[in-house]
Amino acid sequence: MVAEFDKRRKLVVEGLNRLPGISAIVPKGAFYAFPNIKATGWKAKALASALLEDAGVATIGGPDFGVHGEGYIRLSYANSAENISRALGRMGDFLSSRKAA
């Protein structure tokens, strides 16, 4: 399982770094990535809501984790590689077609 989660972590980080306006570093633990979304122009909680409603991808806005969380979202990679890839594709489609609210 350690090797499988390492594979998923790499998939998430590489995929996030290909999305417009998003940058991510490799997380050191847990099953979550916390990418920087500032260059998208979206506020974190607004983007998390829009991704859920319009792209079917569940994320959490960084401010839910503290006052310094604006500009970040959190997403889990405790899912199959297939579902992670699908979610990243949906996020990319959304970010390419929608302007910041």
Protein backbone atom coordinates (compact mmCIF):
# COMPACT_ATOMS: atom_id res chain seq x y z
CA MET A 1 0.00 0.00 0.00
CA VAL A 2 2.90 2.37 0.67
CA ALA A 3 4.07 2.00 -2.93
CA GLU A 4 0.53 2.45 -4.24
CA PHE A 5 -0.01 5.68 -2.27
CA ASP A 6 3.38 6.96 -3.42
CA LYS A 7 2.24 6.35 -7.02
CA ARG A 8 -1.02 8.21 -6.37
CA ARG A 9 0.82 11.08 -4.66
CA LYS A 10 3.05 11.49 -7.71
CA LEU A 11 0.03 11.31 -10.03
CA VAL A 12 -1.73 14.07 -8.08
CA VAL A 13 1.26 16.39 -7.84
CA GLU A 14 2.26 16.01 -11.49
CA GLY A 15 -1.36 16.43 -12.59
CA LEU A 16 -1.94 19.50 -10.43
CA ASN A 17 1.23 21.14 -11.75
CA ARG A 18 -0.10 20.77 -15.30
CA LEU A 19 -3.33 22.64 -14.48
CA PRO A 20 -3.55 26.35 -15.35
CA GLY A 21 -2.77 28.56 -12.36
CA ILE A 22 -2.05 25.71 -9.94
CA SER A 23 1.23 24.66 -8.36
CA ALA A 24 1.82 21.84 -5.93
CA ILE A 25 4.70 20.42 -3.95
CA VAL A 26 5.02 16.79 -2.92
CA PRO A 27 3.24 16.26 0.41
CA LYS A 28 5.32 14.60 3.12
CA GLY A 29 2.52 12.63 4.75
CA ALA A 30 -1.17 11.80 4.97
CA PHE A 31 -3.27 11.38 1.81
CA TYR A 32 -3.76 15.02 0.88
CA ALA A 33 -2.27 17.57 -1.48
CA PHE A 34 -2.54 21.28 -0.67
CA PRO A 35 -1.87 23.07 -3.98
CA ASN A 36 -1.47 26.81 -4.40
CA ILE A 37 -4.32 28.17 -6.54
CA LYS A 38 -3.54 31.91 -6.30
CA ALA A 39 -2.63 32.27 -9.99
CA THR A 40 -6.11 31.04 -10.99
CA GLY A 41 -7.64 34.26 -9.65
CA TRP A 42 -10.17 32.28 -7.61
CA LYS A 43 -10.70 32.53 -3.86
CA ALA A 44 -10.17 29.13 -2.29
CA LYS A 45 -13.64 28.44 -0.94
CA ALA A 46 -15.34 29.75 -4.09
CA LEU A 47 -13.16 27.49 -6.24
CA ALA A 48 -13.82 24.48 -4.01
CA SER A 49 -17.58 25.07 -4.29
CA ALA A 50 -17.46 25.60 -8.05
CA LEU A 51 -15.34 22.49 -8.60
CA LEU A 52 -17.86 20.43 -6.66
CA GLU A 53 -20.96 21.90 -8.27
CA ASP A 54 -19.72 22.27 -11.85
CA ALA A 55 -16.99 19.62 -12.23
CA GLY A 56 -18.04 17.01 -9.68
CA VAL A 57 -14.68 17.17 -7.88
CA ALA A 58 -14.65 17.43 -4.09
CA THR A 59 -11.97 19.68 -2.61
CA ILE A 60 -11.85 21.83 0.52
CA GLY A 61 -10.94 25.51 0.58
CA GLY A 62 -7.73 26.23 2.46
CA PRO A 63 -9.34 28.75 4.86
CA ASP A 64 -11.15 25.82 6.49
CA PHE A 65 -7.71 24.85 7.88
CA GLY A 66 -6.75 28.25 9.26
CA VAL A 67 -6.25 31.92 8.50
CA HIS A 68 -3.24 31.30 6.24
CA GLY A 69 -5.12 28.86 4.02
CA GLU A 70 -6.45 31.39 1.50
CA GLY A 71 -4.99 30.66 -1.91
CA TYR A 72 -4.92 26.90 -1.38
CA ILE A 73 -7.30 23.98 -1.68
CA ARG A 74 -6.97 20.50 -0.25
CA LEU A 75 -7.75 17.30 -2.06
CA SER A 76 -7.33 13.68 -1.13
CA TYR A 77 -5.51 11.08 -3.16
CA ALA A 78 -6.95 8.18 -1.15
CA ASN A 79 -8.78 6.97 -4.24
CA SER A 80 -7.98 4.91 -7.32
CA ALA A 81 -5.50 6.22 -9.88
CA GLU A 82 -8.31 6.11 -12.44
CA ASN A 83 -10.57 8.35 -10.32
CA ILE A 84 -7.71 10.70 -9.54
CA SER A 85 -6.91 11.07 -13.24
CA ARG A 86 -10.57 11.67 -14.01
CA ALA A 87 -10.81 14.35 -11.30
CA LEU A 88 -7.67 16.10 -12.56
CA GLY A 89 -9.09 16.11 -16.08
CA ARG A 90 -12.34 17.62 -14.86
CA MET A 91 -10.44 20.25 -12.91
CA GLY A 92 -8.40 21.12 -15.99
CA ASP A 93 -11.51 21.41 -18.15
CA PHE A 94 -13.16 23.62 -15.54
CA LEU A 95 -10.15 25.92 -15.09
CA SER A 96 -9.70 26.25 -18.84
CA SER A 97 -13.30 27.24 -19.41
CA ARG A 98 -14.24 29.33 -16.35
CA LYS A 99 -12.98 32.67 -15.17
CA ALA A 100 -12.57 33.43 -11.49
CA ALA A 101 -15.75 34.43 -9.67
